[in-house]
Amino acid sequence: MLKTDSGMTAAWKEYALHLREVVRQCGMDTLQCLPGEVRDCGNDYAHHCLGYLAMLKARAEDGLWHLHHGLGEGVTLAEDVCARWRAELAGRRDCEQCRTPSR
């Protein structure tokens, strides 16, 4: 059941909706199965966020492969950019979401 009084549940919902839109903009179709939607699959918002992020990761990996075709310089450049962003994002982590309801 959706807990509308929980700020973090609302944040998870907002994040899931945002990610789903990004996934669609990347040309990947998704069902409308978030909590409370017509095809509610029973999974919480965090589970949907995980799925959408995995879809985006696959899309990014496919795009990178097409750009560098496994050539050393392209692979190195992509890994360097990814490593910088991993470090940047790790420094911004707020694990409050990990301790809150997601449905």
N, C-alpha and C. Protein backbone atom coordinates (compact mmCIF):
# COMPACT_ATOMS: atom_id res chain seq x y z
N MET A 1 0.84 -1.18 0.00
CA MET A 1 0.00 0.00 0.00
C MET A 1 0.88 1.24 0.00
N LEU A 2 0.55 2.22 -0.82
CA LEU A 2 1.32 3.46 -0.92
C LEU A 2 1.16 4.27 0.35
N LYS A 3 2.26 4.64 0.94
CA LYS A 3 2.24 5.45 2.15
C LYS A 3 2.48 6.91 1.76
N THR A 4 1.42 7.64 1.52
CA THR A 4 1.56 9.01 1.06
C THR A 4 2.13 9.93 2.12
N ASP A 5 2.09 9.51 3.39
CA ASP A 5 2.63 10.35 4.45
C ASP A 5 4.15 10.22 4.57
N SER A 6 4.75 9.28 3.88
CA SER A 6 6.19 9.08 3.96
C SER A 6 6.90 9.88 2.89
N GLY A 7 7.71 10.85 3.31
CA GLY A 7 8.46 11.66 2.36
C GLY A 7 9.38 10.83 1.48
N MET A 8 10.00 9.80 2.08
CA MET A 8 10.93 8.99 1.29
C MET A 8 10.19 8.10 0.30
N THR A 9 9.01 7.62 0.69
CA THR A 9 8.23 6.83 -0.26
C THR A 9 7.89 7.70 -1.46
N ALA A 10 7.51 8.94 -1.19
CA ALA A 10 7.22 9.88 -2.27
C ALA A 10 8.47 10.12 -3.11
N ALA A 11 9.63 10.20 -2.45
CA ALA A 11 10.89 10.41 -3.19
C ALA A 11 11.21 9.21 -4.07
N TRP A 12 11.01 7.99 -3.53
CA TRP A 12 11.24 6.79 -4.33
C TRP A 12 10.31 6.77 -5.54
N LYS A 13 9.04 7.13 -5.32
CA LYS A 13 8.07 7.16 -6.42
C LYS A 13 8.52 8.15 -7.49
N GLU A 14 8.90 9.34 -7.06
CA GLU A 14 9.35 10.37 -8.00
C GLU A 14 10.57 9.88 -8.80
N TYR A 15 11.50 9.24 -8.11
CA TYR A 15 12.70 8.72 -8.76
C TYR A 15 12.34 7.64 -9.77
N ALA A 16 11.44 6.73 -9.39
CA ALA A 16 11.01 5.66 -10.30
C ALA A 16 10.34 6.24 -11.54
N LEU A 17 9.47 7.22 -11.35
CA LEU A 17 8.80 7.85 -12.50
C LEU A 17 9.80 8.55 -13.40
N HIS A 18 10.78 9.22 -12.81
CA HIS A 18 11.81 9.90 -13.59
C HIS A 18 12.64 8.90 -14.39
N LEU A 19 13.07 7.84 -13.72
CA LEU A 19 13.87 6.83 -14.41
C LEU A 19 13.09 6.17 -15.54
N ARG A 20 11.82 5.89 -15.30
CA ARG A 20 11.01 5.26 -16.35
C ARG A 20 10.93 6.17 -17.57
N GLU A 21 10.81 7.47 -17.35
CA GLU A 21 10.77 8.40 -18.48
C GLU A 21 12.10 8.43 -19.22
N VAL A 22 13.20 8.41 -18.49
CA VAL A 22 14.53 8.38 -19.13
C VAL A 22 14.67 7.10 -19.96
N VAL A 23 14.23 5.97 -19.40
CA VAL A 23 14.29 4.69 -20.13
C VAL A 23 13.50 4.80 -21.43
N ARG A 24 12.32 5.37 -21.36
CA ARG A 24 11.50 5.53 -22.57
C ARG A 24 12.16 6.45 -23.58
N GLN A 25 12.79 7.51 -23.10
CA GLN A 25 13.49 8.43 -24.01
C GLN A 25 14.68 7.76 -24.68
N CYS A 26 15.19 6.71 -24.07
CA CYS A 26 16.29 5.95 -24.66
C CYS A 26 15.77 4.86 -25.61
N GLY A 27 14.47 4.87 -25.88
CA GLY A 27 13.90 3.93 -26.84
C GLY A 27 13.59 2.55 -26.29
N MET A 28 13.46 2.45 -24.99
CA MET A 28 13.17 1.16 -24.36
C MET A 28 11.77 1.24 -23.75
N ASP A 29 10.92 0.28 -24.08
CA ASP A 29 9.55 0.30 -23.61
C ASP A 29 9.45 -0.33 -22.22
N THR A 30 8.57 0.20 -21.40
CA THR A 30 8.34 -0.35 -20.06
C THR A 30 6.84 -0.41 -19.79
N LEU A 31 6.46 -1.32 -18.94
CA LEU A 31 5.06 -1.42 -18.52
C LEU A 31 4.76 -0.39 -17.45
N GLN A 32 3.51 -0.04 -17.32
CA GLN A 32 3.08 0.83 -16.23
C GLN A 32 2.64 -0.07 -15.08
N CYS A 33 3.61 -0.51 -14.31
CA CYS A 33 3.34 -1.50 -13.25
C CYS A 33 3.84 -1.06 -11.89
N LEU A 34 4.00 0.26 -11.68
CA LEU A 34 4.40 0.77 -10.38
C LEU A 34 3.25 0.59 -9.39
N PRO A 35 3.54 0.65 -8.08
CA PRO A 35 2.48 0.52 -7.09
C PRO A 35 1.32 1.47 -7.38
N GLY A 36 0.13 0.91 -7.40
CA GLY A 36 -1.07 1.71 -7.63
C GLY A 36 -1.44 1.90 -9.09
N GLU A 37 -0.57 1.51 -10.01
CA GLU A 37 -0.90 1.63 -11.43
C GLU A 37 -1.74 0.44 -11.87
N VAL A 38 -2.32 0.54 -13.05
CA VAL A 38 -3.23 -0.48 -13.56
C VAL A 38 -2.61 -1.87 -13.54
N ARG A 39 -1.36 -1.98 -13.93
CA ARG A 39 -0.68 -3.28 -13.98
C ARG A 39 0.29 -3.46 -12.82
N ASP A 40 -0.07 -2.98 -11.64
CA ASP A 40 0.78 -3.08 -10.44
C ASP A 40 1.32 -4.50 -10.31
N CYS A 41 2.64 -4.64 -10.42
CA CYS A 41 3.25 -5.97 -10.39
C CYS A 41 3.54 -6.46 -8.97
N GLY A 42 3.33 -5.60 -7.98
CA GLY A 42 3.56 -6.00 -6.61
C GLY A 42 4.92 -5.62 -6.06
N ASN A 43 5.81 -5.17 -6.91
CA ASN A 43 7.14 -4.76 -6.45
C ASN A 43 7.11 -3.30 -6.01
N ASP A 44 8.02 -2.94 -5.11
CA ASP A 44 8.05 -1.58 -4.58
C ASP A 44 8.81 -0.65 -5.53
N TYR A 45 8.84 0.63 -5.16
CA TYR A 45 9.51 1.63 -6.00
C TYR A 45 11.00 1.38 -6.14
N ALA A 46 11.64 0.95 -5.06
CA ALA A 46 13.08 0.69 -5.13
C ALA A 46 13.39 -0.42 -6.12
N HIS A 47 12.56 -1.47 -6.13
CA HIS A 47 12.75 -2.57 -7.08
C HIS A 47 12.62 -2.04 -8.52
N HIS A 48 11.66 -1.20 -8.76
CA HIS A 48 11.50 -0.62 -10.10
C HIS A 48 12.69 0.26 -10.46
N CYS A 49 13.17 1.04 -9.50
CA CYS A 49 14.36 1.87 -9.76
C CYS A 49 15.54 1.00 -10.16
N LEU A 50 15.73 -0.10 -9.45
CA LEU A 50 16.81 -1.02 -9.77
C LEU A 50 16.66 -1.54 -11.20
N GLY A 51 15.47 -1.94 -11.57
CA GLY A 51 15.23 -2.43 -12.92
C GLY A 51 15.49 -1.38 -13.98
N TYR A 52 15.00 -0.17 -13.74
CA TYR A 52 15.20 0.91 -14.72
C TYR A 52 16.67 1.26 -14.85
N LEU A 53 17.38 1.31 -13.72
CA LEU A 53 18.81 1.60 -13.78
C LEU A 53 19.58 0.51 -14.52
N ALA A 54 19.19 -0.74 -14.31
CA ALA A 54 19.83 -1.85 -15.03
C ALA A 54 19.58 -1.72 -16.53
N MET A 55 18.35 -1.32 -16.90
CA MET A 55 18.05 -1.12 -18.31
C MET A 55 18.92 -0.01 -18.90
N LEU A 56 19.08 1.07 -18.15
CA LEU A 56 19.92 2.18 -18.61
C LEU A 56 21.38 1.77 -18.71
N LYS A 57 21.83 0.94 -17.77
CA LYS A 57 23.21 0.45 -17.83
C LYS A 57 23.42 -0.37 -19.10
N ALA A 58 22.47 -1.25 -19.41
CA ALA A 58 22.58 -2.06 -20.63
C ALA A 58 22.58 -1.17 -21.86
N ARG A 59 21.73 -0.14 -21.85
CA ARG A 59 21.66 0.78 -23.00
C ARG A 59 22.98 1.53 -23.15
N ALA A 60 23.54 1.97 -22.03
CA ALA A 60 24.81 2.69 -22.07
C ALA A 60 25.94 1.78 -22.56
N GLU A 61 25.99 0.56 -22.06
CA GLU A 61 27.02 -0.38 -22.49
C GLU A 61 26.91 -0.66 -23.98
N ASP A 62 25.69 -0.81 -24.48
CA ASP A 62 25.49 -1.05 -25.90
C ASP A 62 25.94 0.17 -26.72
N GLY A 63 25.58 1.36 -26.24
CA GLY A 63 26.00 2.57 -26.94
C GLY A 63 27.51 2.73 -26.96
N LEU A 64 28.15 2.44 -25.84
CA LEU A 64 29.60 2.54 -25.78
C LEU A 64 30.26 1.53 -26.71
N TRP A 65 29.73 0.33 -26.76
CA TRP A 65 30.29 -0.68 -27.65
C TRP A 65 30.22 -0.20 -29.10
N HIS A 66 29.09 0.37 -29.50
CA HIS A 66 28.95 0.84 -30.87
C HIS A 66 29.90 1.98 -31.19
N LEU A 67 30.22 2.79 -30.17
CA LEU A 67 31.12 3.90 -30.40
C LEU A 67 32.57 3.49 -30.49
N HIS A 68 32.99 2.52 -29.68
CA HIS A 68 34.40 2.17 -29.68
C HIS A 68 34.71 0.80 -30.28
N HIS A 69 33.70 -0.02 -30.54
CA HIS A 69 33.87 -1.34 -31.17
C HIS A 69 35.02 -2.14 -30.59
N GLY A 70 35.24 -1.98 -29.30
CA GLY A 70 36.27 -2.77 -28.64
C GLY A 70 37.69 -2.29 -28.89
N LEU A 71 37.85 -1.13 -29.54
CA LEU A 71 39.19 -0.62 -29.79
C LEU A 71 39.79 -0.06 -28.49
N GLY A 72 41.04 -0.31 -28.28
CA GLY A 72 41.72 0.06 -27.05
C GLY A 72 41.52 1.48 -26.60
N GLU A 73 41.70 2.44 -27.49
CA GLU A 73 41.60 3.84 -27.11
C GLU A 73 40.18 4.20 -26.66
N GLY A 74 39.18 3.69 -27.36
CA GLY A 74 37.80 3.96 -27.00
C GLY A 74 37.42 3.33 -25.67
N VAL A 75 37.87 2.11 -25.47
CA VAL A 75 37.59 1.41 -24.20
C VAL A 75 38.24 2.16 -23.05
N THR A 76 39.50 2.58 -23.23
CA THR A 76 40.21 3.30 -22.18
C THR A 76 39.53 4.62 -21.86
N LEU A 77 39.14 5.37 -22.88
CA LEU A 77 38.47 6.64 -22.66
C LEU A 77 37.15 6.44 -21.91
N ALA A 78 36.36 5.46 -22.34
CA ALA A 78 35.08 5.19 -21.68
C ALA A 78 35.30 4.79 -20.22
N GLU A 79 36.28 3.95 -19.95
CA GLU A 79 36.55 3.52 -18.57
C GLU A 79 37.04 4.69 -17.72
N ASP A 80 37.86 5.57 -18.30
CA ASP A 80 38.34 6.74 -17.55
C ASP A 80 37.17 7.64 -17.14
N VAL A 81 36.25 7.89 -18.08
CA VAL A 81 35.09 8.73 -17.78
C VAL A 81 34.22 8.05 -16.73
N CYS A 82 33.98 6.77 -16.90
CA CYS A 82 33.17 6.02 -15.92
C CYS A 82 33.81 6.05 -14.53
N ALA A 83 35.11 5.86 -14.46
CA ALA A 83 35.80 5.86 -13.17
C ALA A 83 35.67 7.21 -12.48
N ARG A 84 35.81 8.29 -13.24
CA ARG A 84 35.66 9.63 -12.65
C ARG A 84 34.25 9.82 -12.10
N TRP A 85 33.24 9.40 -12.87
CA TRP A 85 31.86 9.56 -12.42
C TRP A 85 31.52 8.63 -11.26
N ARG A 86 32.07 7.43 -11.25
CA ARG A 86 31.84 6.53 -10.11
C ARG A 86 32.35 7.19 -8.82
N ALA A 87 33.55 7.77 -8.89
CA ALA A 87 34.12 8.43 -7.72
C ALA A 87 33.29 9.64 -7.31
N GLU A 88 32.87 10.42 -8.27
CA GLU A 88 32.04 11.60 -8.00
C GLU A 88 30.73 11.19 -7.33
N LEU A 89 30.06 10.21 -7.89
CA LEU A 89 28.77 9.76 -7.35
C LEU A 89 28.92 9.10 -5.99
N ALA A 90 29.99 8.37 -5.78
CA ALA A 90 30.23 7.74 -4.48
C ALA A 90 30.38 8.81 -3.40
N GLY A 91 30.95 9.93 -3.74
CA GLY A 91 31.12 11.01 -2.79
C GLY A 91 29.82 11.71 -2.44
N ARG A 92 28.80 11.54 -3.26
CA ARG A 92 27.51 12.19 -3.04
C ARG A 92 26.48 11.27 -2.40
N ARG A 93 26.81 10.02 -2.16
CA ARG A 93 25.80 9.06 -1.69
C ARG A 93 25.14 9.50 -0.41
N ASP A 94 23.83 9.37 -0.42
CA ASP A 94 23.03 9.60 0.78
C ASP A 94 22.21 8.35 0.98
N CYS A 95 22.61 7.55 1.91
CA CYS A 95 21.97 6.25 2.10
C CYS A 95 20.69 6.32 2.92
N GLU A 96 20.16 7.51 3.14
CA GLU A 96 18.88 7.63 3.84
C GLU A 96 17.81 6.80 3.15
N GLN A 97 17.83 6.76 1.82
CA GLN A 97 16.85 5.97 1.07
C GLN A 97 16.93 4.49 1.44
N CYS A 98 18.12 4.03 1.78
CA CYS A 98 18.28 2.62 2.12
C CYS A 98 17.55 2.25 3.40
N ARG A 99 17.25 3.24 4.22
CA ARG A 99 16.62 2.97 5.52
C ARG A 99 15.13 3.33 5.54
N THR A 100 14.55 3.60 4.38
CA THR A 100 13.16 4.04 4.36
C THR A 100 12.29 3.14 3.52
N PRO A 101 10.98 3.15 3.77
CA PRO A 101 10.06 2.35 2.97
C PRO A 101 10.10 2.78 1.51
N SER A 102 9.89 1.84 0.63
CA SER A 102 9.94 2.18 -0.79
C SER A 102 8.64 1.81 -1.51
N ARG A 103 7.62 1.51 -0.78
CA ARG A 103 6.30 1.23 -1.38
C ARG A 103 5.25 1.97 -0.62
